[in-house]
Amino acid sequence: MHFQTAEYAEVKVVSCTRGAIWDVIIDLREGSKNFGRYAGFELSESNNRQLYIPKGFAHGFQTLREDTMVSYLISEFYHPPAASGVRFDDPAFAIEWPAAPSVISEKDQSWPLVRV
């Protein structure tokens, strides 16, 4: 679950141009009535949905089919010092994923758990 901090925070528009994904966002905006809540959406080539993700949200997805392609429109350039994240399996968010991950990067496994 990724995001960029402070002045490098991003707005994203995500679509799935081939295959299908389960796309998840987490509201990390302090003071928001939905702070810490997540929402999940299926995006696929057949439903043609796009997901708008405002600044202040963490974002991640799981592919649901082989040979899936995802397209991003992002408002900011990648700035490595501002890159941050939270764990996809953090109990604080209790995200319900469609399946256990078959592949996950070392970086994604190393994000710290959130303390609430």
PDB file of N, CA and C in Angstrom:
ATOM      1  N   MET A   1       0.862  -1.152   0.000  1.00  0.00           N
ATOM      2  CA  MET A   1       0.000   0.000   0.000  1.00  0.00           C
ATOM      3  C   MET A   1       0.915   1.223   0.000  1.00  0.00           C
ATOM      4  N   HIS A   2       0.923   1.963  -1.099  1.00  0.00           N
ATOM      5  CA  HIS A   2       1.906   3.024  -1.310  1.00  0.00           C
ATOM      6  C   HIS A   2       1.281   4.416  -1.318  1.00  0.00           C
ATOM      7  N   PHE A   3       2.128   5.388  -0.987  1.00  0.00           N
ATOM      8  CA  PHE A   3       1.775   6.791  -1.115  1.00  0.00           C
ATOM      9  C   PHE A   3       3.050   7.610  -1.051  1.00  0.00           C
ATOM     10  N   GLN A   4       2.945   8.885  -1.406  1.00  0.00           N
ATOM     11  CA  GLN A   4       4.045   9.829  -1.236  1.00  0.00           C
ATOM     12  C   GLN A   4       3.612  10.878  -0.226  1.00  0.00           C
ATOM     13  N   THR A   5       4.548  11.307   0.592  1.00  0.00           N
ATOM     14  CA  THR A   5       4.259  12.217   1.690  1.00  0.00           C
ATOM     15  C   THR A   5       4.393  13.691   1.283  1.00  0.00           C
ATOM     16  N   ALA A   6       3.805  14.521   2.117  1.00  0.00           N
ATOM     17  CA  ALA A   6       3.933  15.987   2.096  1.00  0.00           C
ATOM     18  C   ALA A   6       3.723  16.590   0.712  1.00  0.00           C
ATOM     19  N   GLU A   7       4.652  17.431   0.300  1.00  0.00           N
ATOM     20  CA  GLU A   7       4.472  18.171  -0.952  1.00  0.00           C
ATOM     21  C   GLU A   7       4.508  17.283  -2.184  1.00  0.00           C
ATOM     22  N   TYR A   8       4.895  16.029  -2.035  1.00  0.00           N
ATOM     23  CA  TYR A   8       4.940  15.097  -3.155  1.00  0.00           C
ATOM     24  C   TYR A   8       3.732  14.162  -3.196  1.00  0.00           C
ATOM     25  N   ALA A   9       2.749  14.421  -2.340  1.00  0.00           N
ATOM     26  CA  ALA A   9       1.528  13.595  -2.332  1.00  0.00           C
ATOM     27  C   ALA A   9       0.911  13.604  -3.727  1.00  0.00           C
ATOM     28  N   GLU A  10       0.373  12.458  -4.121  1.00  0.00           N
ATOM     29  CA  GLU A  10      -0.101  12.274  -5.490  1.00  0.00           C
ATOM     30  C   GLU A  10      -1.612  12.117  -5.579  1.00  0.00           C
ATOM     31  N   VAL A  11      -2.151  12.582  -6.686  1.00  0.00           N
ATOM     32  CA  VAL A  11      -3.490  12.214  -7.140  1.00  0.00           C
ATOM     33  C   VAL A  11      -3.250  11.163  -8.219  1.00  0.00           C
ATOM     34  N   LYS A  12      -4.034  10.078  -8.196  1.00  0.00           N
ATOM     35  CA  LYS A  12      -3.879   9.023  -9.199  1.00  0.00           C
ATOM     36  C   LYS A  12      -5.231   8.712  -9.836  1.00  0.00           C
ATOM     37  N   VAL A  13      -5.172   8.293 -11.094  1.00  0.00           N
ATOM     38  CA  VAL A  13      -6.311   7.684 -11.771  1.00  0.00           C
ATOM     39  C   VAL A  13      -5.805   6.344 -12.287  1.00  0.00           C
ATOM     40  N   VAL A  14      -6.471   5.279 -11.854  1.00  0.00           N
ATOM     41  CA  VAL A  14      -6.021   3.922 -12.171  1.00  0.00           C
ATOM     42  C   VAL A  14      -7.085   3.224 -13.015  1.00  0.00           C
ATOM     43  N   SER A  15      -6.630   2.501 -14.017  1.00  0.00           N
ATOM     44  CA  SER A  15      -7.534   1.671 -14.813  1.00  0.00           C
ATOM     45  C   SER A  15      -6.836   0.357 -15.138  1.00  0.00           C
ATOM     46  N   CYS A  16      -7.628  -0.624 -15.465  1.00  0.00           N
ATOM     47  CA  CYS A  16      -7.112  -1.938 -15.843  1.00  0.00           C
ATOM     48  C   CYS A  16      -7.462  -2.156 -17.309  1.00  0.00           C
ATOM     49  N   THR A  17      -6.448  -2.156 -18.160  1.00  0.00           N
ATOM     50  CA  THR A  17      -6.687  -2.238 -19.600  1.00  0.00           C
ATOM     51  C   THR A  17      -6.691  -3.668 -20.131  1.00  0.00           C
ATOM     52  N   ARG A  18      -6.202  -4.611 -19.310  1.00  0.00           N
ATOM     53  CA  ARG A  18      -6.252  -6.028 -19.674  1.00  0.00           C
ATOM     54  C   ARG A  18      -6.321  -6.850 -18.396  1.00  0.00           C
ATOM     55  N   GLY A  19      -7.181  -7.849 -18.375  1.00  0.00           N
ATOM     56  CA  GLY A  19      -7.320  -8.678 -17.186  1.00  0.00           C
ATOM     57  C   GLY A  19      -8.216  -8.017 -16.152  1.00  0.00           C
ATOM     58  N   ALA A  20      -7.860  -8.202 -14.853  1.00  0.00           N
ATOM     59  CA  ALA A  20      -8.670  -7.644 -13.769  1.00  0.00           C
ATOM     60  C   ALA A  20      -7.828  -7.514 -12.512  1.00  0.00           C
ATOM     61  N   ILE A  21      -8.158  -6.509 -11.698  1.00  0.00           N
ATOM     62  CA  ILE A  21      -7.489  -6.295 -10.414  1.00  0.00           C
ATOM     63  C   ILE A  21      -8.518  -5.997  -9.328  1.00  0.00           C
ATOM     64  N   TRP A  22      -8.120  -6.242  -8.083  1.00  0.00           N
ATOM     65  CA  TRP A  22      -8.844  -5.763  -6.909  1.00  0.00           C
ATOM     66  C   TRP A  22      -8.019  -4.597  -6.412  1.00  0.00           C
ATOM     67  N   ASP A  23      -8.567  -3.394  -6.491  1.00  0.00           N
ATOM     68  CA  ASP A  23      -7.859  -2.164  -6.182  1.00  0.00           C
ATOM     69  C   ASP A  23      -8.335  -1.641  -4.835  1.00  0.00           C
ATOM     70  N   VAL A  24      -7.389  -1.340  -3.947  1.00  0.00           N
ATOM     71  CA  VAL A  24      -7.722  -0.933  -2.584  1.00  0.00           C
ATOM     72  C   VAL A  24      -7.099   0.422  -2.272  1.00  0.00           C
ATOM     73  N   ILE A  25      -7.888   1.277  -1.614  1.00  0.00           N
ATOM     74  CA  ILE A  25      -7.385   2.554  -1.112  1.00  0.00           C
ATOM     75  C   ILE A  25      -7.672   2.633   0.391  1.00  0.00           C
ATOM     76  N   ILE A  26      -6.782   3.317   1.107  1.00  0.00           N
ATOM     77  CA  ILE A  26      -6.948   3.547   2.544  1.00  0.00           C
ATOM     78  C   ILE A  26      -6.871   5.048   2.783  1.00  0.00           C
ATOM     79  N   ASP A  27      -7.847   5.585   3.486  1.00  0.00           N
ATOM     80  CA  ASP A  27      -7.867   7.010   3.812  1.00  0.00           C
ATOM     81  C   ASP A  27      -6.886   7.271   4.955  1.00  0.00           C
ATOM     82  N   LEU A  28      -5.815   8.013   4.666  1.00  0.00           N
ATOM     83  CA  LEU A  28      -4.810   8.364   5.665  1.00  0.00           C
ATOM     84  C   LEU A  28      -4.814   9.861   5.988  1.00  0.00           C
ATOM     85  N   ARG A  29      -5.889  10.523   5.621  1.00  0.00           N
ATOM     86  CA  ARG A  29      -5.982  11.969   5.884  1.00  0.00           C
ATOM     87  C   ARG A  29      -6.378  12.191   7.339  1.00  0.00           C
ATOM     88  N   GLU A  30      -5.457  12.767   8.099  1.00  0.00           N
ATOM     89  CA  GLU A  30      -5.755  13.058   9.503  1.00  0.00           C
ATOM     90  C   GLU A  30      -6.931  14.000   9.582  1.00  0.00           C
ATOM     91  N   GLY A  31      -7.843  13.723  10.496  1.00  0.00           N
ATOM     92  CA  GLY A  31      -9.028  14.554  10.657  1.00  0.00           C
ATOM     93  C   GLY A  31     -10.203  14.123   9.794  1.00  0.00           C
ATOM     94  N   SER A  32      -9.975  13.213   8.857  1.00  0.00           N
ATOM     95  CA  SER A  32     -11.061  12.731   8.007  1.00  0.00           C
ATOM     96  C   SER A  32     -11.974  11.816   8.816  1.00  0.00           C
ATOM     97  N   LYS A  33     -13.279  11.900   8.583  1.00  0.00           N
ATOM     98  CA  LYS A  33     -14.208  11.009   9.285  1.00  0.00           C
ATOM     99  C   LYS A  33     -14.005   9.552   8.857  1.00  0.00           C
ATOM    100  N   ASN A  34     -13.330   9.347   7.736  1.00  0.00           N
ATOM    101  CA  ASN A  34     -13.057   7.996   7.242  1.00  0.00           C
ATOM    102  C   ASN A  34     -11.606   7.562   7.460  1.00  0.00           C
ATOM    103  N   PHE A  35     -10.881   8.293   8.293  1.00  0.00           N
ATOM    104  CA  PHE A  35      -9.469   7.990   8.541  1.00  0.00           C
ATOM    105  C   PHE A  35      -9.303   6.513   8.939  1.00  0.00           C
ATOM    106  N   GLY A  36      -8.393   5.833   8.264  1.00  0.00           N
ATOM    107  CA  GLY A  36      -8.095   4.440   8.582  1.00  0.00           C
ATOM    108  C   GLY A  36      -9.013   3.432   7.921  1.00  0.00           C
ATOM    109  N   ARG A  37     -10.044   3.894   7.237  1.00  0.00           N
ATOM    110  CA  ARG A  37     -10.953   2.972   6.551  1.00  0.00           C
ATOM    111  C   ARG A  37     -10.443   2.705   5.133  1.00  0.00           C
ATOM    112  N   TYR A  38     -10.790   1.530   4.656  1.00  0.00           N
ATOM    113  CA  TYR A  38     -10.407   1.191   3.292  1.00  0.00           C
ATOM    114  C   TYR A  38     -11.648   0.939   2.441  1.00  0.00           C
ATOM    115  N   ALA A  39     -11.432   0.983   1.132  1.00  0.00           N
ATOM    116  CA  ALA A  39     -12.472   0.625   0.167  1.00  0.00           C
ATOM    117  C   ALA A  39     -11.791  -0.166  -0.946  1.00  0.00           C
ATOM    118  N   GLY A  40     -12.485  -1.167  -1.472  1.00  0.00           N
ATOM    119  CA  GLY A  40     -11.947  -1.994  -2.544  1.00  0.00           C
ATOM    120  C   GLY A  40     -12.874  -1.994  -3.747  1.00  0.00           C
ATOM    121  N   PHE A  41     -12.268  -2.069  -4.932  1.00  0.00           N
ATOM    122  CA  PHE A  41     -13.015  -1.984  -6.184  1.00  0.00           C
ATOM    123  C   PHE A  41     -12.423  -2.947  -7.199  1.00  0.00           C
ATOM    124  N   GLU A  42     -13.281  -3.622  -7.937  1.00  0.00           N
ATOM    125  CA  GLU A  42     -12.768  -4.427  -9.044  1.00  0.00           C
ATOM    126  C   GLU A  42     -12.686  -3.553 -10.285  1.00  0.00           C
ATOM    127  N   LEU A  43     -11.509  -3.520 -10.885  1.00  0.00           N
ATOM    128  CA  LEU A  43     -11.292  -2.824 -12.153  1.00  0.00           C
ATOM    129  C   LEU A  43     -10.905  -3.887 -13.170  1.00  0.00           C
ATOM    130  N   SER A  44     -11.504  -3.821 -14.346  1.00  0.00           N
ATOM    131  CA  SER A  44     -11.197  -4.817 -15.368  1.00  0.00           C
ATOM    132  C   SER A  44     -11.382  -4.228 -16.756  1.00  0.00           C
ATOM    133  N   GLU A  45     -10.865  -4.957 -17.723  1.00  0.00           N
ATOM    134  CA  GLU A  45     -11.060  -4.529 -19.111  1.00  0.00           C
ATOM    135  C   GLU A  45     -12.531  -4.619 -19.499  1.00  0.00           C
ATOM    136  N   SER A  46     -13.280  -5.496 -18.869  1.00  0.00           N
ATOM    137  CA  SER A  46     -14.693  -5.646 -19.249  1.00  0.00           C
ATOM    138  C   SER A  46     -15.597  -4.618 -18.575  1.00  0.00           C
ATOM    139  N   ASN A  47     -15.272  -4.164 -17.342  1.00  0.00           N
ATOM    140  CA  ASN A  47     -16.160  -3.175 -16.717  1.00  0.00           C
ATOM    141  C   ASN A  47     -15.724  -1.731 -17.007  1.00  0.00           C
ATOM    142  N   ASN A  48     -14.525  -1.557 -17.559  1.00  0.00           N
ATOM    143  CA  ASN A  48     -14.042  -0.231 -17.985  1.00  0.00           C
ATOM    144  C   ASN A  48     -14.030   0.828 -16.883  1.00  0.00           C
ATOM    145  N   ARG A  49     -14.034   0.423 -15.626  1.00  0.00           N
ATOM    146  CA  ARG A  49     -14.018   1.398 -14.532  1.00  0.00           C
ATOM    147  C   ARG A  49     -12.631   1.987 -14.349  1.00  0.00           C
ATOM    148  N   GLN A  50     -12.615   3.232 -13.901  1.00  0.00           N
ATOM    149  CA  GLN A  50     -11.386   3.900 -13.487  1.00  0.00           C
ATOM    150  C   GLN A  50     -11.572   4.321 -12.046  1.00  0.00           C
ATOM    151  N   LEU A  51     -10.465   4.394 -11.308  1.00  0.00           N
ATOM    152  CA  LEU A  51     -10.530   4.795  -9.912  1.00  0.00           C
ATOM    153  C   LEU A  51      -9.723   6.076  -9.718  1.00  0.00           C
ATOM    154  N   TYR A  52     -10.389   7.102  -9.210  1.00  0.00           N
ATOM    155  CA  TYR A  52      -9.744   8.367  -8.858  1.00  0.00           C
ATOM    156  C   TYR A  52      -9.303   8.254  -7.401  1.00  0.00           C
ATOM    157  N   ILE A  53      -8.016   8.514  -7.147  1.00  0.00           N
ATOM    158  CA  ILE A  53      -7.467   8.413  -5.793  1.00  0.00           C
ATOM    159  C   ILE A  53      -6.903   9.777  -5.400  1.00  0.00           C
ATOM    160  N   PRO A  54      -7.531  10.443  -4.438  1.00  0.00           N
ATOM    161  CA  PRO A  54      -7.051  11.764  -4.027  1.00  0.00           C
ATOM    162  C   PRO A  54      -5.753  11.689  -3.221  1.00  0.00           C
ATOM    163  N   LYS A  55      -5.145  12.844  -3.023  1.00  0.00           N
ATOM    164  CA  LYS A  55      -3.990  12.927  -2.125  1.00  0.00           C
ATOM    165  C   LYS A  55      -4.410  12.461  -0.737  1.00  0.00           C
ATOM    166  N   GLY A  56      -3.472  11.829  -0.036  1.00  0.00           N
ATOM    167  CA  GLY A  56      -3.756  11.412   1.325  1.00  0.00           C
ATOM    168  C   GLY A  56      -4.275   9.991   1.449  1.00  0.00           C
ATOM    169  N   PHE A  57      -4.269   9.243   0.357  1.00  0.00           N
ATOM    170  CA  PHE A  57      -4.714   7.849   0.373  1.00  0.00           C
ATOM    171  C   PHE A  57      -3.551   6.930   0.024  1.00  0.00           C
ATOM    172  N   ALA A  58      -3.467   5.800   0.724  1.00  0.00           N
ATOM    173  CA  ALA A  58      -2.551   4.740   0.319  1.00  0.00           C
ATOM    174  C   ALA A  58      -3.268   3.909  -0.744  1.00  0.00           C
ATOM    175  N   HIS A  59      -2.480   3.298  -1.623  1.00  0.00           N
ATOM    176  CA  HIS A  59      -3.057   2.561  -2.748  1.00  0.00           C
ATOM    177  C   HIS A  59      -2.287   1.276  -3.003  1.00  0.00           C
ATOM    178  N   GLY A  60      -3.022   0.215  -3.303  1.00  0.00           N
ATOM    179  CA  GLY A  60      -2.416  -1.044  -3.707  1.00  0.00           C
ATOM    180  C   GLY A  60      -3.439  -1.886  -4.447  1.00  0.00           C
ATOM    181  N   PHE A  61      -2.962  -2.899  -5.153  1.00  0.00           N
ATOM    182  CA  PHE A  61      -3.902  -3.760  -5.869  1.00  0.00           C
ATOM    183  C   PHE A  61      -3.372  -5.179  -5.933  1.00  0.00           C
ATOM    184  N   GLN A  62      -4.303  -6.092  -6.208  1.00  0.00           N
ATOM    185  CA  GLN A  62      -3.992  -7.499  -6.404  1.00  0.00           C
ATOM    186  C   GLN A  62      -4.544  -7.915  -7.765  1.00  0.00           C
ATOM    187  N   THR A  63      -3.723  -8.574  -8.563  1.00  0.00           N
ATOM    188  CA  THR A  63      -4.227  -9.043  -9.852  1.00  0.00           C
ATOM    189  C   THR A  63      -5.156 -10.230  -9.630  1.00  0.00           C
ATOM    190  N   LEU A  64      -6.205 -10.282 -10.426  1.00  0.00           N
ATOM    191  CA  LEU A  64      -7.198 -11.352 -10.333  1.00  0.00           C
ATOM    192  C   LEU A  64      -7.100 -12.341 -11.493  1.00  0.00           C
ATOM    193  N   ARG A  65      -6.362 -11.961 -12.533  1.00  0.00           N
ATOM    194  CA  ARG A  65      -6.195 -12.824 -13.709  1.00  0.00           C
ATOM    195  C   ARG A  65      -4.753 -12.751 -14.186  1.00  0.00           C
ATOM    196  N   GLU A  66      -4.337 -13.807 -14.862  1.00  0.00           N
ATOM    197  CA  GLU A  66      -3.028 -13.806 -15.527  1.00  0.00           C
ATOM    198  C   GLU A  66      -3.027 -12.726 -16.610  1.00  0.00           C
ATOM    199  N   ASP A  67      -1.840 -12.263 -16.969  1.00  0.00           N
ATOM    200  CA  ASP A  67      -1.673 -11.332 -18.085  1.00  0.00           C
ATOM    201  C   ASP A  67      -2.512 -10.064 -17.911  1.00  0.00           C
ATOM    202  N   THR A  68      -2.397  -9.454 -16.731  1.00  0.00           N
ATOM    203  CA  THR A  68      -3.137  -8.236 -16.416  1.00  0.00           C
ATOM    204  C   THR A  68      -2.248  -7.015 -16.646  1.00  0.00           C
ATOM    205  N   MET A  69      -2.843  -5.950 -17.165  1.00  0.00           N
ATOM    206  CA  MET A  69      -2.119  -4.701 -17.393  1.00  0.00           C
ATOM    207  C   MET A  69      -2.876  -3.559 -16.717  1.00  0.00           C
ATOM    208  N   VAL A  70      -2.127  -2.737 -15.963  1.00  0.00           N
ATOM    209  CA  VAL A  70      -2.706  -1.622 -15.215  1.00  0.00           C
ATOM    210  C   VAL A  70      -2.107  -0.328 -15.735  1.00  0.00           C
ATOM    211  N   SER A  71      -2.942   0.696 -15.835  1.00  0.00           N
ATOM    212  CA  SER A  71      -2.501   2.002 -16.313  1.00  0.00           C
ATOM    213  C   SER A  71      -2.732   3.047 -15.218  1.00  0.00           C
ATOM    214  N   TYR A  72      -1.730   3.903 -14.995  1.00  0.00           N
ATOM    215  CA  TYR A  72      -1.799   4.971 -14.002  1.00  0.00           C
ATOM    216  C   TYR A  72      -1.648   6.327 -14.665  1.00  0.00           C
ATOM    217  N   LEU A  73      -2.424   7.284 -14.209  1.00  0.00           N
ATOM    218  CA  LEU A  73      -2.160   8.704 -14.451  1.00  0.00           C
ATOM    219  C   LEU A  73      -1.828   9.258 -13.072  1.00  0.00           C
ATOM    220  N   ILE A  74      -0.680   9.915 -12.936  1.00  0.00           N
ATOM    221  CA  ILE A  74      -0.207  10.367 -11.622  1.00  0.00           C
ATOM    222  C   ILE A  74       0.173  11.840 -11.718  1.00  0.00           C
ATOM    223  N   SER A  75      -0.234  12.612 -10.702  1.00  0.00           N
ATOM    224  CA  SER A  75      -0.043  14.066 -10.731  1.00  0.00           C
ATOM    225  C   SER A  75       1.375  14.515 -10.405  1.00  0.00           C
ATOM    226  N   GLU A  76       2.170  13.660  -9.793  1.00  0.00           N
ATOM    227  CA  GLU A  76       3.525  14.035  -9.379  1.00  0.00           C
ATOM    228  C   GLU A  76       4.539  13.030  -9.906  1.00  0.00           C
ATOM    229  N   PHE A  77       5.779  13.487 -10.049  1.00  0.00           N
ATOM    230  CA  PHE A  77       6.858  12.570 -10.373  1.00  0.00           C
ATOM    231  C   PHE A  77       7.196  11.753  -9.129  1.00  0.00           C
ATOM    232  N   TYR A  78       7.733  10.569  -9.349  1.00  0.00           N
ATOM    233  CA  TYR A  78       8.178   9.736  -8.235  1.00  0.00           C
ATOM    234  C   TYR A  78       9.351  10.421  -7.551  1.00  0.00           C
ATOM    235  N   HIS A  79       9.269  10.562  -6.242  1.00  0.00           N
ATOM    236  CA  HIS A  79      10.318  11.197  -5.446  1.00  0.00           C
ATOM    237  C   HIS A  79      10.700  10.221  -4.329  1.00  0.00           C
ATOM    238  N   PRO A  80      11.747   9.415  -4.539  1.00  0.00           N
ATOM    239  CA  PRO A  80      12.076   8.346  -3.591  1.00  0.00           C
ATOM    240  C   PRO A  80      12.108   8.735  -2.113  1.00  0.00           C
ATOM    241  N   PRO A  81      12.649   9.913  -1.732  1.00  0.00           N
ATOM    242  CA  PRO A  81      12.633  10.236  -0.301  1.00  0.00           C
ATOM    243  C   PRO A  81      11.226  10.429   0.280  1.00  0.00           C
ATOM    244  N   ALA A  82      10.241  10.693  -0.578  1.00  0.00           N
ATOM    245  CA  ALA A  82       8.866  10.896  -0.112  1.00  0.00           C
ATOM    246  C   ALA A  82       8.024   9.620  -0.197  1.00  0.00           C
ATOM    247  N   ALA A  83       8.597   8.545  -0.744  1.00  0.00           N
ATOM    248  CA  ALA A  83       7.854   7.291  -0.891  1.00  0.00           C
ATOM    249  C   ALA A  83       7.657   6.638   0.470  1.00  0.00           C
ATOM    250  N   SER A  84       6.442   6.200   0.717  1.00  0.00           N
ATOM    251  CA  SER A  84       6.130   5.544   1.979  1.00  0.00           C
ATOM    252  C   SER A  84       5.036   4.509   1.741  1.00  0.00           C
ATOM    253  N   GLY A  85       4.691   3.785   2.800  1.00  0.00           N
ATOM    254  CA  GLY A  85       3.659   2.782   2.644  1.00  0.00           C
ATOM    255  C   GLY A  85       3.234   2.175   3.959  1.00  0.00           C
ATOM    256  N   VAL A  86       2.209   1.369   3.879  1.00  0.00           N
ATOM    257  CA  VAL A  86       1.722   0.585   5.012  1.00  0.00           C
ATOM    258  C   VAL A  86       1.528  -0.842   4.510  1.00  0.00           C
ATOM    259  N   ARG A  87       1.538  -1.773   5.428  1.00  0.00           N
ATOM    260  CA  ARG A  87       1.435  -3.180   5.038  1.00  0.00           C
ATOM    261  C   ARG A  87       0.043  -3.533   4.534  1.00  0.00           C
ATOM    262  N   PHE A  88       0.019  -4.351   3.499  1.00  0.00           N
ATOM    263  CA  PHE A  88      -1.248  -4.806   2.909  1.00  0.00           C
ATOM    264  C   PHE A  88      -2.043  -5.669   3.883  1.00  0.00           C
ATOM    265  N   ASP A  89      -1.352  -6.267   4.854  1.00  0.00           N
ATOM    266  CA  ASP A  89      -1.996  -7.169   5.802  1.00  0.00           C
ATOM    267  C   ASP A  89      -2.024  -6.607   7.224  1.00  0.00           C
ATOM    268  N   ASP A  90      -1.923  -5.288   7.347  1.00  0.00           N
ATOM    269  CA  ASP A  90      -1.912  -4.651   8.667  1.00  0.00           C
ATOM    270  C   ASP A  90      -3.270  -4.851   9.351  1.00  0.00           C
ATOM    271  N   PRO A  91      -3.275  -5.434  10.557  1.00  0.00           N
ATOM    272  CA  PRO A  91      -4.547  -5.650  11.264  1.00  0.00           C
ATOM    273  C   PRO A  91      -5.308  -4.359  11.566  1.00  0.00           C
ATOM    274  N   ALA A  92      -4.604  -3.226  11.600  1.00  0.00           N
ATOM    275  CA  ALA A  92      -5.278  -1.947  11.869  1.00  0.00           C
ATOM    276  C   ALA A  92      -6.294  -1.617  10.779  1.00  0.00           C
ATOM    277  N   PHE A  93      -6.074  -2.117   9.564  1.00  0.00           N
ATOM    278  CA  PHE A  93      -6.983  -1.831   8.448  1.00  0.00           C
ATOM    279  C   PHE A  93      -7.904  -3.009   8.135  1.00  0.00           C
ATOM    280  N   ALA A  94      -7.489  -4.215   8.486  1.00  0.00           N
ATOM    281  CA  ALA A  94      -8.287  -5.432   8.274  1.00  0.00           C
ATOM    282  C   ALA A  94      -8.829  -5.533   6.842  1.00  0.00           C
ATOM    283  N   ILE A  95      -7.955  -5.326   5.866  1.00  0.00           N
ATOM    284  CA  ILE A  95      -8.368  -5.385   4.459  1.00  0.00           C
ATOM    285  C   ILE A  95      -8.705  -6.823   4.085  1.00  0.00           C
ATOM    286  N   GLU A  96      -9.835  -6.986   3.436  1.00  0.00           N
ATOM    287  CA  GLU A  96     -10.248  -8.298   2.931  1.00  0.00           C
ATOM    288  C   GLU A  96      -9.827  -8.397   1.470  1.00  0.00           C
ATOM    289  N   TRP A  97      -8.792  -9.190   1.228  1.00  0.00           N
ATOM    290  CA  TRP A  97      -8.296  -9.409  -0.123  1.00  0.00           C
ATOM    291  C   TRP A  97      -8.986 -10.645  -0.707  1.00  0.00           C
ATOM    292  N   PRO A  98      -9.148 -10.723  -2.029  1.00  0.00           N
ATOM    293  CA  PRO A  98      -9.812 -11.875  -2.640  1.00  0.00           C
ATOM    294  C   PRO A  98      -9.071 -13.196  -2.422  1.00  0.00           C
ATOM    295  N   ALA A  99      -7.745 -13.123  -2.307  1.00  0.00           N
ATOM    296  CA  ALA A  99      -6.931 -14.331  -2.129  1.00  0.00           C
ATOM    297  C   ALA A  99      -5.633 -13.945  -1.425  1.00  0.00           C
ATOM    298  N   ALA A 100      -4.962 -14.942  -0.877  1.00  0.00           N
ATOM    299  CA  ALA A 100      -3.628 -14.692  -0.303  1.00  0.00           C
ATOM    300  C   ALA A 100      -2.698 -14.321  -1.455  1.00  0.00           C
ATOM    301  N   PRO A 101      -1.764 -13.396  -1.227  1.00  0.00           N
ATOM    302  CA  PRO A 101      -0.866 -13.003  -2.322  1.00  0.00           C
ATOM    303  C   PRO A 101       0.059 -14.153  -2.717  1.00  0.00           C
ATOM    304  N   SER A 102       0.248 -14.323  -4.013  1.00  0.00           N
ATOM    305  CA  SER A 102       1.175 -15.346  -4.485  1.00  0.00           C
ATOM    306  C   SER A 102       2.577 -14.765  -4.665  1.00  0.00           C
ATOM    307  N   VAL A 103       2.644 -13.463  -4.922  1.00  0.00           N
ATOM    308  CA  VAL A 103       3.928 -12.767  -5.061  1.00  0.00           C
ATOM    309  C   VAL A 103       3.780 -11.413  -4.397  1.00  0.00           C
ATOM    310  N   ILE A 104       4.755 -11.073  -3.550  1.00  0.00           N
ATOM    311  CA  ILE A 104       4.770  -9.743  -2.949  1.00  0.00           C
ATOM    312  C   ILE A 104       6.225  -9.333  -2.756  1.00  0.00           C
ATOM    313  N   SER A 105       6.523  -8.094  -3.073  1.00  0.00           N
ATOM    314  CA  SER A 105       7.908  -7.640  -3.021  1.00  0.00           C
ATOM    315  C   SER A 105       8.418  -7.573  -1.581  1.00  0.00           C
ATOM    316  N   GLU A 106       9.721  -7.658  -1.460  1.00  0.00           N
ATOM    317  CA  GLU A 106      10.354  -7.531  -0.139  1.00  0.00           C
ATOM    318  C   GLU A 106      10.035  -6.161   0.464  1.00  0.00           C
ATOM    319  N   LYS A 107      10.041  -5.143  -0.382  1.00  0.00           N
ATOM    320  CA  LYS A 107       9.737  -3.783   0.085  1.00  0.00           C
ATOM    321  C   LYS A 107       8.326  -3.713   0.666  1.00  0.00           C
ATOM    322  N   ASP A 108       7.356  -4.309  -0.036  1.00  0.00           N
ATOM    323  CA  ASP A 108       5.972  -4.271   0.453  1.00  0.00           C
ATOM    324  C   ASP A 108       5.795  -5.068   1.740  1.00  0.00           C
ATOM    325  N   GLN A 109       6.590  -6.096   1.927  1.00  0.00           N
ATOM    326  CA  GLN A 109       6.525  -6.879   3.158  1.00  0.00           C
ATOM    327  C   GLN A 109       7.197  -6.166   4.329  1.00  0.00           C
ATOM    328  N   SER A 110       8.046  -5.190   4.016  1.00  0.00           N
ATOM    329  CA  SER A 110       8.835  -4.546   5.077  1.00  0.00           C
ATOM    330  C   SER A 110       8.218  -3.258   5.634  1.00  0.00           C
ATOM    331  N   TRP A 111       7.107  -2.784   5.071  1.00  0.00           N
ATOM    332  CA  TRP A 111       6.486  -1.579   5.627  1.00  0.00           C
ATOM    333  C   TRP A 111       6.092  -1.858   7.077  1.00  0.00           C
ATOM    334  N   PRO A 112       6.187  -0.872   7.940  1.00  0.00           N
ATOM    335  CA  PRO A 112       5.841  -1.102   9.352  1.00  0.00           C
ATOM    336  C   PRO A 112       4.328  -1.198   9.561  1.00  0.00           C
ATOM    337  N   LEU A 113       3.953  -1.825  10.654  1.00  0.00           N
ATOM    338  CA  LEU A 113       2.549  -1.851  11.052  1.00  0.00           C
ATOM    339  C   LEU A 113       2.179  -0.492  11.618  1.00  0.00           C
ATOM    340  N   VAL A 114       0.943  -0.087  11.422  1.00  0.00           N
ATOM    341  CA  VAL A 114       0.452   1.203  11.921  1.00  0.00           C
ATOM    342  C   VAL A 114       0.073   1.038  13.387  1.00  0.00           C
ATOM    343  N   ARG A 115       0.399   2.013  14.186  1.00  0.00           N
ATOM    344  CA  ARG A 115       0.000   1.996  15.605  1.00  0.00           C
ATOM    345  C   ARG A 115      -1.121   2.999  15.798  1.00  0.00           C
ATOM    346  N   VAL A 116      -2.243   2.494  16.288  1.00  0.00           N
ATOM    347  CA  VAL A 116      -3.396   3.373  16.525  1.00  0.00           C
ATOM    348  C   VAL A 116      -3.697   3.499  17.991  1.00  0.00           C
TER     349      VAL A 116
END
